[in-house]
N, C-alpha and C. Protein backbone atom coordinates (compact mmCIF):
# COMPACT_ATOMS: atom_id res chain seq x y z
N MET A 1 46.07 158.48 140.98
CA MET A 1 46.14 158.22 139.55
C MET A 1 46.58 156.79 139.26
N ARG A 2 47.57 156.33 140.02
CA ARG A 2 48.05 154.97 139.79
C ARG A 2 46.97 153.96 140.11
N ARG A 3 46.24 154.21 141.26
CA ARG A 3 45.19 153.25 141.62
C ARG A 3 44.11 153.22 140.57
N GLY A 4 43.73 154.41 140.03
CA GLY A 4 42.69 154.45 139.00
C GLY A 4 43.14 153.73 137.74
N TRP A 5 44.40 153.91 137.39
CA TRP A 5 44.92 153.23 136.19
C TRP A 5 44.93 151.71 136.36
N ARG A 6 45.40 151.26 137.52
CA ARG A 6 45.43 149.81 137.80
C ARG A 6 44.02 149.24 137.80
N GLY A 7 43.05 150.01 138.32
CA GLY A 7 41.66 149.53 138.35
C GLY A 7 41.11 149.37 136.96
N LYS A 8 41.42 150.32 136.09
CA LYS A 8 40.93 150.21 134.72
C LYS A 8 41.52 148.99 134.02
N VAL A 9 42.81 148.72 134.26
CA VAL A 9 43.45 147.55 133.65
C VAL A 9 42.80 146.27 134.15
N ALA A 10 42.53 146.19 135.44
CA ALA A 10 41.92 145.00 136.01
C ALA A 10 40.54 144.78 135.42
N VAL A 11 39.75 145.87 135.33
CA VAL A 11 38.40 145.74 134.78
C VAL A 11 38.47 145.31 133.32
N GLY A 12 39.41 145.89 132.57
CA GLY A 12 39.55 145.50 131.16
C GLY A 12 39.92 144.04 131.00
N THR A 13 40.80 143.57 131.89
CA THR A 13 41.21 142.15 131.84
C THR A 13 40.04 141.23 132.12
N VAL A 14 39.25 141.59 133.15
CA VAL A 14 38.08 140.77 133.49
C VAL A 14 37.10 140.74 132.34
N LEU A 15 36.87 141.88 131.71
CA LEU A 15 35.94 141.94 130.57
C LEU A 15 36.45 141.09 129.41
N LEU A 16 37.75 141.11 129.20
CA LEU A 16 38.31 140.32 128.11
C LEU A 16 38.10 138.83 128.36
N ILE A 17 38.34 138.39 129.59
CA ILE A 17 38.15 136.98 129.94
C ILE A 17 36.69 136.59 129.79
N LEU A 18 35.77 137.47 130.27
CA LEU A 18 34.34 137.17 130.15
C LEU A 18 33.92 137.08 128.69
N GLY A 19 34.50 137.93 127.85
CA GLY A 19 34.17 137.89 126.43
C GLY A 19 34.64 136.59 125.79
N PHE A 20 35.85 136.14 126.16
CA PHE A 20 36.37 134.88 125.62
C PHE A 20 35.49 133.70 126.03
N LEU A 21 35.08 133.68 127.31
CA LEU A 21 34.22 132.60 127.78
C LEU A 21 32.88 132.62 127.07
N ALA A 22 32.34 133.82 126.82
CA ALA A 22 31.04 133.92 126.15
C ALA A 22 31.13 133.39 124.74
N VAL A 23 32.24 133.73 124.01
CA VAL A 23 32.41 133.24 122.64
C VAL A 23 32.54 131.73 122.62
N ALA A 24 33.32 131.17 123.56
CA ALA A 24 33.49 129.73 123.62
C ALA A 24 32.17 129.04 123.88
N GLN A 25 31.33 129.62 124.79
CA GLN A 25 30.04 129.01 125.09
C GLN A 25 29.13 129.05 123.88
N LEU A 26 29.15 130.19 123.17
CA LEU A 26 28.30 130.30 121.98
C LEU A 26 28.71 129.28 120.92
N ARG A 27 30.02 129.10 120.74
CA ARG A 27 30.48 128.11 119.77
C ARG A 27 30.07 126.71 120.18
N SER A 28 30.18 126.41 121.45
CA SER A 28 29.78 125.10 121.94
C SER A 28 28.30 124.88 121.72
N GLN A 29 27.51 125.92 121.99
CA GLN A 29 26.08 125.79 121.79
C GLN A 29 25.75 125.62 120.31
N ALA A 30 26.52 126.34 119.44
CA ALA A 30 26.28 126.22 118.01
C ALA A 30 26.60 124.81 117.53
N THR A 31 27.70 124.24 118.07
CA THR A 31 28.07 122.88 117.70
C THR A 31 27.02 121.90 118.18
N ASP A 32 26.55 122.09 119.44
CA ASP A 32 25.53 121.20 119.98
C ASP A 32 24.26 121.29 119.15
N GLN A 33 23.90 122.52 118.74
CA GLN A 33 22.70 122.69 117.93
C GLN A 33 22.85 122.02 116.57
N ALA A 34 24.09 122.13 115.99
CA ALA A 34 24.32 121.49 114.71
C ALA A 34 24.21 119.98 114.82
N LEU A 35 24.76 119.43 115.91
CA LEU A 35 24.66 117.99 116.11
C LEU A 35 23.22 117.57 116.37
N ALA A 36 22.48 118.42 117.08
CA ALA A 36 21.08 118.09 117.39
C ALA A 36 20.23 118.03 116.14
N GLN A 37 20.65 118.76 115.11
CA GLN A 37 19.87 118.77 113.89
C GLN A 37 20.16 117.57 112.99
N LEU A 38 21.22 116.79 113.32
CA LEU A 38 21.55 115.62 112.52
C LEU A 38 20.62 114.47 112.83
N SER A 39 20.36 113.65 111.83
CA SER A 39 19.53 112.47 112.03
C SER A 39 20.33 111.38 112.71
N VAL A 40 19.65 110.35 113.14
CA VAL A 40 20.32 109.23 113.79
C VAL A 40 21.29 108.58 112.84
N GLN A 41 20.90 108.47 111.57
CA GLN A 41 21.77 107.86 110.58
C GLN A 41 23.04 108.70 110.37
N ASP A 42 22.85 110.06 110.34
CA ASP A 42 24.01 110.94 110.17
C ASP A 42 24.95 110.85 111.37
N LEU A 43 24.33 110.81 112.58
CA LEU A 43 25.16 110.70 113.79
C LEU A 43 25.91 109.37 113.81
N THR A 44 25.24 108.30 113.40
CA THR A 44 25.89 106.99 113.36
C THR A 44 27.06 106.99 112.39
N GLU A 45 26.83 107.61 111.22
CA GLU A 45 27.90 107.69 110.22
C GLU A 45 29.06 108.55 110.72
N LEU A 46 28.72 109.66 111.44
CA LEU A 46 29.77 110.52 111.99
C LEU A 46 30.61 109.79 113.02
N VAL A 47 29.94 109.05 113.91
CA VAL A 47 30.65 108.29 114.94
C VAL A 47 31.52 107.22 114.28
N ALA A 48 30.98 106.56 113.25
CA ALA A 48 31.75 105.52 112.56
C ALA A 48 32.99 106.10 111.90
N ASN A 49 32.83 107.28 111.28
CA ASN A 49 33.97 107.92 110.63
C ASN A 49 35.04 108.31 111.65
N LEU A 50 34.58 108.87 112.80
CA LEU A 50 35.55 109.24 113.84
C LEU A 50 36.27 108.02 114.38
N THR A 51 35.51 106.95 114.58
CA THR A 51 36.13 105.72 115.09
C THR A 51 37.15 105.17 114.10
N ALA A 52 36.76 105.16 112.81
CA ALA A 52 37.68 104.66 111.79
C ALA A 52 38.93 105.52 111.72
N ARG A 53 38.74 106.85 111.82
CA ARG A 53 39.88 107.75 111.78
C ARG A 53 40.81 107.54 112.97
N ASN A 54 40.23 107.36 114.15
CA ASN A 54 41.04 107.11 115.34
C ASN A 54 41.81 105.80 115.21
N ASN A 55 41.12 104.77 114.68
CA ASN A 55 41.81 103.48 114.49
C ASN A 55 42.96 103.62 113.49
N GLN A 56 42.72 104.40 112.43
CA GLN A 56 43.78 104.62 111.44
C GLN A 56 44.98 105.34 112.06
N LEU A 57 44.69 106.33 112.90
CA LEU A 57 45.77 107.07 113.57
C LEU A 57 46.56 106.15 114.50
N ARG A 58 45.84 105.27 115.20
CA ARG A 58 46.54 104.33 116.08
C ARG A 58 47.43 103.39 115.26
N ASP A 59 46.91 102.91 114.13
CA ASP A 59 47.71 102.03 113.28
C ASP A 59 48.95 102.77 112.75
N ASP A 60 48.75 104.01 112.35
CA ASP A 60 49.89 104.80 111.86
C ASP A 60 50.93 104.99 112.96
N LEU A 61 50.45 105.22 114.18
CA LEU A 61 51.37 105.41 115.31
C LEU A 61 52.17 104.14 115.57
N ARG A 62 51.48 102.99 115.56
CA ARG A 62 52.18 101.72 115.77
C ARG A 62 53.19 101.46 114.66
N SER A 63 52.81 101.78 113.42
CA SER A 63 53.71 101.59 112.29
C SER A 63 54.96 102.46 112.42
N LEU A 64 54.77 103.71 112.82
CA LEU A 64 55.91 104.61 113.00
C LEU A 64 56.81 104.14 114.14
N GLU A 65 56.21 103.65 115.22
CA GLU A 65 57.01 103.15 116.33
C GLU A 65 57.83 101.94 115.91
N MET A 66 57.22 101.06 115.09
CA MET A 66 57.94 99.89 114.60
C MET A 66 59.10 100.31 113.69
N GLN A 67 58.85 101.31 112.84
CA GLN A 67 59.91 101.80 111.97
C GLN A 67 61.05 102.41 112.78
N ARG A 68 60.69 103.14 113.83
CA ARG A 68 61.72 103.74 114.67
C ARG A 68 62.57 102.65 115.33
N THR A 69 61.90 101.61 115.85
CA THR A 69 62.63 100.51 116.48
C THR A 69 63.54 99.82 115.48
N THR A 70 63.03 99.61 114.26
CA THR A 70 63.84 98.96 113.22
C THR A 70 65.06 99.80 112.87
N LEU A 71 64.86 101.11 112.71
CA LEU A 71 65.96 102.00 112.37
C LEU A 71 66.99 102.06 113.49
N GLN A 72 66.51 102.11 114.74
CA GLN A 72 67.45 102.13 115.86
C GLN A 72 68.29 100.86 115.89
N GLY A 73 67.62 99.70 115.63
CA GLY A 73 68.37 98.45 115.60
C GLY A 73 69.38 98.42 114.48
N ALA A 74 68.98 98.96 113.30
CA ALA A 74 69.91 98.99 112.16
C ALA A 74 71.11 99.86 112.47
N VAL A 75 70.87 101.01 113.11
CA VAL A 75 71.98 101.91 113.46
C VAL A 75 72.93 101.22 114.43
N GLN A 76 72.36 100.56 115.44
CA GLN A 76 73.20 99.87 116.42
C GLN A 76 73.99 98.75 115.77
N ARG A 77 73.33 97.99 114.88
CA ARG A 77 74.05 96.91 114.20
C ARG A 77 75.12 97.48 113.29
N GLY A 78 74.82 98.61 112.66
CA GLY A 78 75.81 99.23 111.80
C GLY A 78 77.02 99.68 112.57
N ASP A 79 76.81 100.27 113.75
CA ASP A 79 77.93 100.69 114.58
C ASP A 79 78.75 99.48 115.01
N SER A 80 78.04 98.41 115.40
CA SER A 80 78.73 97.21 115.84
C SER A 80 79.52 96.59 114.70
N SER A 81 78.92 96.55 113.49
CA SER A 81 79.61 95.97 112.34
C SER A 81 80.82 96.82 111.97
N ALA A 82 80.65 98.13 112.00
CA ALA A 82 81.77 99.01 111.66
C ALA A 82 82.92 98.82 112.65
N ALA A 83 82.58 98.72 113.93
CA ALA A 83 83.62 98.51 114.95
C ALA A 83 84.31 97.17 114.74
N SER A 84 83.51 96.15 114.41
CA SER A 84 84.09 94.82 114.18
C SER A 84 85.01 94.84 112.97
N ILE A 85 84.58 95.54 111.91
CA ILE A 85 85.41 95.62 110.70
C ILE A 85 86.71 96.37 110.99
N ARG A 86 86.60 97.45 111.77
CA ARG A 86 87.81 98.20 112.12
C ARG A 86 88.77 97.34 112.92
N ASN A 87 88.24 96.58 113.87
CA ASN A 87 89.10 95.71 114.68
C ASN A 87 89.77 94.63 113.82
N ASP A 88 88.97 94.04 112.90
CA ASP A 88 89.54 93.03 112.01
C ASP A 88 90.63 93.63 111.14
N LEU A 89 90.38 94.84 110.66
CA LEU A 89 91.38 95.50 109.81
C LEU A 89 92.66 95.77 110.58
N GLN A 90 92.53 96.22 111.82
CA GLN A 90 93.72 96.47 112.64
C GLN A 90 94.52 95.19 112.85
N ARG A 91 93.81 94.08 113.12
CA ARG A 91 94.50 92.81 113.32
C ARG A 91 95.22 92.37 112.05
N LEU A 92 94.55 92.52 110.91
CA LEU A 92 95.16 92.11 109.65
C LEU A 92 96.38 92.96 109.33
N LEU A 93 96.27 94.27 109.55
CA LEU A 93 97.40 95.15 109.29
C LEU A 93 98.58 94.83 110.21
N GLY A 94 98.26 94.53 111.47
CA GLY A 94 99.32 94.16 112.40
C GLY A 94 99.96 92.84 112.04
N TRP A 95 99.13 91.88 111.64
CA TRP A 95 99.66 90.56 111.28
C TRP A 95 100.50 90.62 110.02
N SER A 96 100.11 91.47 109.06
CA SER A 96 100.83 91.56 107.80
C SER A 96 102.16 92.29 107.93
N GLY A 97 102.27 93.13 108.97
CA GLY A 97 103.50 93.90 109.14
C GLY A 97 103.32 95.37 108.84
N ALA A 98 102.14 95.76 108.39
CA ALA A 98 101.90 97.17 108.05
C ALA A 98 101.80 98.03 109.29
N LEU A 99 101.46 97.44 110.43
CA LEU A 99 101.38 98.17 111.69
C LEU A 99 102.30 97.51 112.71
N GLY A 100 102.81 98.33 113.62
CA GLY A 100 103.58 97.78 114.73
C GLY A 100 102.68 97.03 115.68
N VAL A 101 103.22 96.04 116.36
CA VAL A 101 102.44 95.23 117.29
C VAL A 101 103.22 95.05 118.59
N SER A 102 102.50 94.69 119.63
CA SER A 102 103.13 94.42 120.92
C SER A 102 102.35 93.34 121.63
N GLY A 103 103.03 92.62 122.49
CA GLY A 103 102.39 91.54 123.24
C GLY A 103 103.44 90.64 123.85
N ALA A 104 102.97 89.61 124.51
CA ALA A 104 103.89 88.66 125.13
C ALA A 104 104.63 87.86 124.05
N GLY A 105 105.81 87.37 124.39
CA GLY A 105 106.58 86.61 123.42
C GLY A 105 107.90 86.14 123.98
N VAL A 106 108.90 86.06 123.11
CA VAL A 106 110.22 85.58 123.54
C VAL A 106 111.30 86.46 122.93
N ARG A 107 112.45 86.40 123.57
CA ARG A 107 113.65 87.09 123.08
C ARG A 107 114.75 86.06 122.93
N ILE A 108 115.41 86.06 121.77
CA ILE A 108 116.52 85.15 121.52
C ILE A 108 117.77 85.99 121.27
N SER A 109 118.79 85.75 122.04
CA SER A 109 120.06 86.45 121.83
C SER A 109 121.05 85.48 121.20
N VAL A 110 121.73 85.96 120.17
CA VAL A 110 122.71 85.14 119.45
C VAL A 110 124.05 85.86 119.53
N ALA A 111 124.97 85.30 120.28
CA ALA A 111 126.31 85.87 120.43
C ALA A 111 127.31 84.95 119.77
N GLY A 112 127.98 85.46 118.76
CA GLY A 112 128.93 84.63 118.03
C GLY A 112 128.59 84.60 116.56
N SER A 113 129.44 83.93 115.80
CA SER A 113 129.30 83.87 114.35
C SER A 113 128.42 82.69 113.96
N LEU A 114 127.17 82.99 113.59
CA LEU A 114 126.22 81.95 113.19
C LEU A 114 125.80 82.23 111.75
N PRO A 115 125.91 81.25 110.85
CA PRO A 115 125.56 81.49 109.46
C PRO A 115 124.06 81.74 109.27
N SER A 116 123.71 82.19 108.07
CA SER A 116 122.33 82.57 107.80
C SER A 116 121.35 81.42 107.94
N ASP A 117 121.78 80.20 107.54
CA ASP A 117 120.84 79.09 107.65
C ASP A 117 120.51 78.77 109.10
N GLY A 118 121.46 79.05 110.01
CA GLY A 118 121.18 78.85 111.43
C GLY A 118 120.16 79.87 111.94
N ILE A 119 120.30 81.12 111.53
CA ILE A 119 119.33 82.15 111.92
C ILE A 119 117.96 81.83 111.35
N ASN A 120 117.94 81.42 110.08
CA ASN A 120 116.65 81.13 109.44
C ASN A 120 115.97 79.91 110.06
N SER A 121 116.75 78.97 110.54
CA SER A 121 116.14 77.81 111.20
C SER A 121 115.45 78.22 112.49
N LEU A 122 116.04 79.17 113.22
CA LEU A 122 115.40 79.69 114.43
C LEU A 122 114.10 80.41 114.07
N VAL A 123 114.15 81.23 113.03
CA VAL A 123 112.96 81.98 112.61
C VAL A 123 111.86 81.04 112.14
N ASN A 124 112.22 80.03 111.36
CA ASN A 124 111.22 79.08 110.87
C ASN A 124 110.57 78.33 112.03
N GLU A 125 111.37 78.00 113.03
CA GLU A 125 110.81 77.31 114.20
C GLU A 125 109.81 78.21 114.91
N LEU A 126 110.11 79.49 115.00
CA LEU A 126 109.17 80.44 115.62
C LEU A 126 107.86 80.50 114.85
N TRP A 127 107.95 80.61 113.52
CA TRP A 127 106.72 80.64 112.72
C TRP A 127 105.92 79.36 112.91
N ASN A 128 106.61 78.23 112.86
CA ASN A 128 105.92 76.95 113.00
C ASN A 128 105.26 76.79 114.37
N ALA A 129 105.85 77.45 115.39
CA ALA A 129 105.31 77.35 116.75
C ALA A 129 104.17 78.34 116.99
N GLY A 130 103.84 79.17 115.98
CA GLY A 130 102.70 80.07 116.13
C GLY A 130 103.05 81.52 116.37
N ALA A 131 104.27 81.90 116.08
CA ALA A 131 104.63 83.31 116.26
C ALA A 131 103.76 84.19 115.36
N GLU A 132 103.32 85.31 115.90
CA GLU A 132 102.47 86.24 115.14
C GLU A 132 103.28 87.35 114.49
N ALA A 133 104.46 87.62 115.00
CA ALA A 133 105.33 88.64 114.42
C ALA A 133 106.76 88.35 114.88
N VAL A 134 107.72 88.60 113.98
CA VAL A 134 109.13 88.32 114.29
C VAL A 134 109.98 89.47 113.75
N SER A 135 110.99 89.83 114.50
CA SER A 135 111.95 90.83 114.02
C SER A 135 113.36 90.39 114.38
N ILE A 136 114.30 90.84 113.57
CA ILE A 136 115.72 90.58 113.83
C ILE A 136 116.43 91.93 113.88
N ASP A 137 117.00 92.24 115.02
CA ASP A 137 117.67 93.53 115.23
C ASP A 137 116.79 94.70 114.79
N GLY A 138 115.53 94.62 115.12
CA GLY A 138 114.61 95.72 114.85
C GLY A 138 114.00 95.70 113.46
N ILE A 139 114.38 94.74 112.61
CA ILE A 139 113.84 94.66 111.24
C ILE A 139 112.69 93.65 111.23
N ARG A 140 111.49 94.12 110.90
CA ARG A 140 110.31 93.27 110.87
C ARG A 140 110.40 92.29 109.71
N LEU A 141 110.16 91.02 110.00
CA LEU A 141 110.20 90.01 108.96
C LEU A 141 108.84 89.92 108.27
N VAL A 142 108.86 90.08 106.97
CA VAL A 142 107.66 89.97 106.13
C VAL A 142 108.03 89.12 104.93
N PRO A 143 107.05 88.69 104.13
CA PRO A 143 107.38 87.87 102.95
C PRO A 143 108.43 88.53 102.07
N GLY A 144 109.43 87.72 101.68
CA GLY A 144 110.51 88.23 100.84
C GLY A 144 111.74 88.62 101.60
N LEU A 145 111.67 88.64 102.93
CA LEU A 145 112.83 89.00 103.75
C LEU A 145 113.40 87.75 104.42
N VAL A 146 114.63 87.42 104.10
CA VAL A 146 115.35 86.31 104.75
C VAL A 146 116.78 86.74 105.01
N VAL A 147 117.38 86.10 105.96
CA VAL A 147 118.77 86.39 106.28
C VAL A 147 119.66 85.65 105.28
N VAL A 148 120.65 86.36 104.76
CA VAL A 148 121.59 85.75 103.81
C VAL A 148 123.01 86.07 104.28
N GLY A 149 123.97 85.28 103.79
CA GLY A 149 125.37 85.52 104.14
C GLY A 149 125.89 84.49 105.11
N THR A 150 127.16 84.61 105.42
CA THR A 150 127.80 83.68 106.35
C THR A 150 128.65 84.46 107.34
N GLY A 151 128.84 83.83 108.50
CA GLY A 151 129.74 84.39 109.50
C GLY A 151 129.37 85.80 109.90
N ASP A 152 130.35 86.70 109.75
CA ASP A 152 130.15 88.08 110.17
C ASP A 152 129.60 88.96 109.05
N SER A 153 129.23 88.37 107.93
CA SER A 153 128.72 89.16 106.81
C SER A 153 127.24 88.83 106.53
N LEU A 154 126.46 88.83 107.58
CA LEU A 154 125.04 88.57 107.43
C LEU A 154 124.31 89.85 107.05
N GLU A 155 123.24 89.68 106.28
CA GLU A 155 122.40 90.83 105.98
C GLU A 155 120.97 90.37 105.73
N ILE A 156 120.03 91.32 105.83
CA ILE A 156 118.63 91.03 105.57
C ILE A 156 118.02 92.23 104.86
N GLY A 157 117.51 91.99 103.67
CA GLY A 157 116.92 93.07 102.89
C GLY A 157 117.90 94.17 102.56
N GLY A 158 119.16 93.82 102.43
CA GLY A 158 120.19 94.82 102.13
C GLY A 158 120.77 95.50 103.34
N SER A 159 120.26 95.22 104.53
CA SER A 159 120.78 95.82 105.77
C SER A 159 121.70 94.83 106.45
N PRO A 160 122.90 95.23 106.84
CA PRO A 160 123.84 94.32 107.50
C PRO A 160 123.38 93.97 108.91
N LEU A 161 123.68 92.76 109.32
CA LEU A 161 123.40 92.31 110.68
C LEU A 161 124.73 92.08 111.39
N VAL A 162 124.91 92.77 112.49
CA VAL A 162 126.16 92.69 113.22
C VAL A 162 125.93 91.97 114.55
N PRO A 163 126.60 90.82 114.79
CA PRO A 163 126.44 90.13 116.08
C PRO A 163 126.90 91.03 117.22
N PRO A 164 126.35 90.83 118.43
CA PRO A 164 125.30 89.85 118.75
C PRO A 164 123.94 90.28 118.20
N LEU A 165 123.15 89.29 117.86
CA LEU A 165 121.85 89.55 117.26
C LEU A 165 120.74 89.36 118.30
N GLU A 166 119.64 90.07 118.07
CA GLU A 166 118.47 89.93 118.93
C GLU A 166 117.27 89.59 118.05
N ILE A 167 116.68 88.47 118.33
CA ILE A 167 115.47 88.05 117.63
C ILE A 167 114.30 88.15 118.59
N LEU A 168 113.29 88.87 118.18
CA LEU A 168 112.08 89.03 119.00
C LEU A 168 110.91 88.38 118.29
N ALA A 169 110.03 87.77 119.06
CA ALA A 169 108.83 87.15 118.48
C ALA A 169 107.67 87.33 119.44
N ILE A 170 106.50 87.58 118.88
CA ILE A 170 105.27 87.70 119.67
C ILE A 170 104.47 86.41 119.51
N GLY A 171 104.04 85.87 120.62
CA GLY A 171 103.28 84.62 120.65
C GLY A 171 103.26 84.09 122.07
N GLN A 172 102.70 82.93 122.26
CA GLN A 172 102.69 82.32 123.59
C GLN A 172 104.12 82.02 124.02
N PRO A 173 104.60 82.70 125.08
CA PRO A 173 106.01 82.51 125.47
C PRO A 173 106.38 81.06 125.75
N GLU A 174 105.53 80.34 126.47
CA GLU A 174 105.84 78.96 126.82
C GLU A 174 105.94 78.08 125.57
N THR A 175 105.02 78.33 124.63
CA THR A 175 105.01 77.51 123.41
C THR A 175 106.23 77.80 122.55
N LEU A 176 106.52 79.08 122.36
CA LEU A 176 107.66 79.44 121.52
C LEU A 176 108.98 78.96 122.14
N ALA A 177 109.15 79.26 123.41
CA ALA A 177 110.40 78.86 124.08
C ALA A 177 110.53 77.34 124.13
N GLY A 178 109.42 76.65 124.40
CA GLY A 178 109.47 75.19 124.47
C GLY A 178 109.82 74.56 123.14
N SER A 179 109.29 75.14 122.06
CA SER A 179 109.60 74.60 120.73
C SER A 179 111.05 74.80 120.38
N LEU A 180 111.64 75.93 120.77
CA LEU A 180 113.04 76.21 120.46
C LEU A 180 114.00 75.35 121.27
N THR A 181 113.66 75.14 122.55
CA THR A 181 114.62 74.49 123.47
C THR A 181 114.31 73.02 123.72
N ARG A 182 113.38 72.46 123.00
CA ARG A 182 113.04 71.04 123.21
C ARG A 182 114.25 70.16 122.86
N ALA A 183 114.26 68.95 123.37
CA ALA A 183 115.35 68.02 123.10
C ALA A 183 115.43 67.74 121.60
N GLY A 184 116.57 67.96 121.03
CA GLY A 184 116.75 67.75 119.59
C GLY A 184 116.22 68.90 118.75
N GLY A 185 115.81 70.00 119.40
CA GLY A 185 115.28 71.15 118.68
C GLY A 185 116.38 72.00 118.09
N PRO A 186 116.02 73.14 117.51
CA PRO A 186 117.02 73.97 116.81
C PRO A 186 118.11 74.50 117.73
N ILE A 187 117.77 74.87 118.96
CA ILE A 187 118.81 75.38 119.86
C ILE A 187 119.84 74.29 120.16
N ALA A 188 119.36 73.09 120.43
CA ALA A 188 120.28 71.98 120.73
C ALA A 188 121.14 71.64 119.51
N GLN A 189 120.53 71.64 118.32
CA GLN A 189 121.29 71.31 117.12
C GLN A 189 122.35 72.38 116.81
N LEU A 190 121.96 73.65 116.95
CA LEU A 190 122.92 74.72 116.66
C LEU A 190 124.05 74.75 117.69
N ALA A 191 123.71 74.48 118.94
CA ALA A 191 124.74 74.48 119.98
C ALA A 191 125.76 73.37 119.74
N ALA A 192 125.27 72.22 119.22
CA ALA A 192 126.19 71.11 118.94
C ALA A 192 127.03 71.38 117.71
N THR A 193 126.44 72.07 116.71
CA THR A 193 127.15 72.32 115.46
C THR A 193 128.10 73.51 115.58
N TYR A 194 127.68 74.54 116.34
CA TYR A 194 128.48 75.76 116.49
C TYR A 194 128.71 76.02 117.99
N PRO A 195 129.62 75.28 118.58
CA PRO A 195 129.85 75.42 120.02
C PRO A 195 130.37 76.79 120.42
N GLN A 196 130.93 77.55 119.49
CA GLN A 196 131.44 78.88 119.81
C GLN A 196 130.33 79.93 119.90
N VAL A 197 129.12 79.55 119.51
CA VAL A 197 127.98 80.48 119.52
C VAL A 197 127.16 80.27 120.79
N THR A 198 126.80 81.37 121.43
CA THR A 198 125.97 81.30 122.63
C THR A 198 124.55 81.72 122.27
N LEU A 199 123.59 80.84 122.56
CA LEU A 199 122.18 81.08 122.28
C LEU A 199 121.40 81.10 123.59
N ALA A 200 120.57 82.12 123.79
CA ALA A 200 119.77 82.21 125.01
C ALA A 200 118.34 82.60 124.64
N VAL A 201 117.40 81.90 125.26
CA VAL A 201 115.97 82.15 125.00
C VAL A 201 115.31 82.53 126.31
N SER A 202 114.53 83.61 126.29
CA SER A 202 113.83 84.03 127.51
C SER A 202 112.42 84.50 127.16
N GLY A 203 111.47 84.12 127.99
CA GLY A 203 110.11 84.59 127.80
C GLY A 203 109.98 86.05 128.21
N GLN A 204 109.11 86.77 127.52
CA GLN A 204 108.94 88.20 127.77
C GLN A 204 107.45 88.51 127.96
N ASP A 205 107.15 89.33 128.97
CA ASP A 205 105.77 89.76 129.17
C ASP A 205 105.33 90.76 128.11
N LEU A 206 106.26 91.55 127.61
CA LEU A 206 105.93 92.55 126.60
C LEU A 206 107.04 92.64 125.57
N VAL A 207 106.68 92.35 124.35
CA VAL A 207 107.59 92.49 123.21
C VAL A 207 106.99 93.52 122.26
N GLN A 208 107.81 94.44 121.81
CA GLN A 208 107.35 95.46 120.86
C GLN A 208 108.09 95.31 119.55
N ILE A 209 107.31 95.16 118.48
CA ILE A 209 107.88 94.98 117.15
C ILE A 209 107.27 96.05 116.25
N LYS A 210 108.12 96.83 115.63
CA LYS A 210 107.63 97.94 114.81
C LYS A 210 107.16 97.43 113.45
N ALA A 211 106.51 98.33 112.71
CA ALA A 211 106.01 97.99 111.37
C ALA A 211 107.18 97.90 110.39
N THR A 212 106.95 97.20 109.31
CA THR A 212 107.96 97.12 108.26
C THR A 212 107.98 98.41 107.45
N ASP A 213 109.13 98.73 106.88
CA ASP A 213 109.22 99.88 105.99
C ASP A 213 109.18 99.46 104.53
N ARG A 214 108.94 98.18 104.28
CA ARG A 214 108.86 97.67 102.92
C ARG A 214 107.42 97.75 102.41
N SER A 215 107.27 97.88 101.12
CA SER A 215 105.94 97.87 100.52
C SER A 215 105.38 96.44 100.55
N LEU A 216 104.13 96.34 100.97
CA LEU A 216 103.48 95.04 101.05
C LEU A 216 102.52 94.81 99.89
N ALA A 217 102.50 95.73 98.92
CA ALA A 217 101.61 95.58 97.77
C ALA A 217 102.09 94.42 96.89
N PRO A 218 101.20 93.49 96.54
CA PRO A 218 101.61 92.38 95.68
C PRO A 218 101.92 92.87 94.27
N VAL A 219 102.87 92.20 93.63
CA VAL A 219 103.26 92.56 92.27
C VAL A 219 102.38 91.82 91.24
N LEU A 220 102.21 90.53 91.45
CA LEU A 220 101.44 89.72 90.51
C LEU A 220 100.08 89.30 91.05
N GLY A 221 100.00 89.09 92.32
CA GLY A 221 98.75 88.62 92.89
C GLY A 221 97.67 89.70 92.89
N LYS A 222 96.44 89.27 92.61
CA LYS A 222 95.27 90.18 92.63
C LYS A 222 94.20 89.57 93.54
N PRO A 223 93.55 90.39 94.34
CA PRO A 223 92.53 89.86 95.25
C PRO A 223 91.35 89.27 94.49
N ARG A 224 90.83 88.16 94.97
CA ARG A 224 89.64 87.53 94.40
C ARG A 224 88.45 87.85 95.28
N LEU A 225 87.41 88.42 94.71
CA LEU A 225 86.21 88.81 95.46
C LEU A 225 85.11 87.80 95.21
């Protein structure tokens, strides 16, 4: 019974394939007969239309490929521009004090009673020498923050400063240290004026300065676009 059933299925499959081939051949013959009935002028026009259509399809394909290439380039440029903008924004935020920063720099230790103008002279020298960020005892210096007071009653932004003080600055260590310790520079002047104060400058491979906790929003200034 199984062999008879399998045989019937095989025969049915063969007949189905033969029927499909016969239909395809008949259609091909019908198409050939239809073409044979066309005049030379009709055949020429048909070939011309097919050629024109193929050329149009090729042009469309080239146009689409060019559009794809253009879009891919735009996407890549957009990603690159966005990354560049993000990097610029991070640098600006770090430079302004809104973000913490780290890098090579110098450390200045101040042991003894040094008035505010002496501290500010050290800070100003650092800025002039190219410091990118400065802090005093962990307080980030931003516009509007200066050391005030004398002797042991120093403060900055309402926060007291208790000696010994630590001033950190990010920038080229050699440049910053050289500017501070040059002959006739601020360290030499302060040492001569306040001999009881000990000042030490050392280059640092890594200085970490945290962000400011003060608002950096301008009160009167407005951005110009």
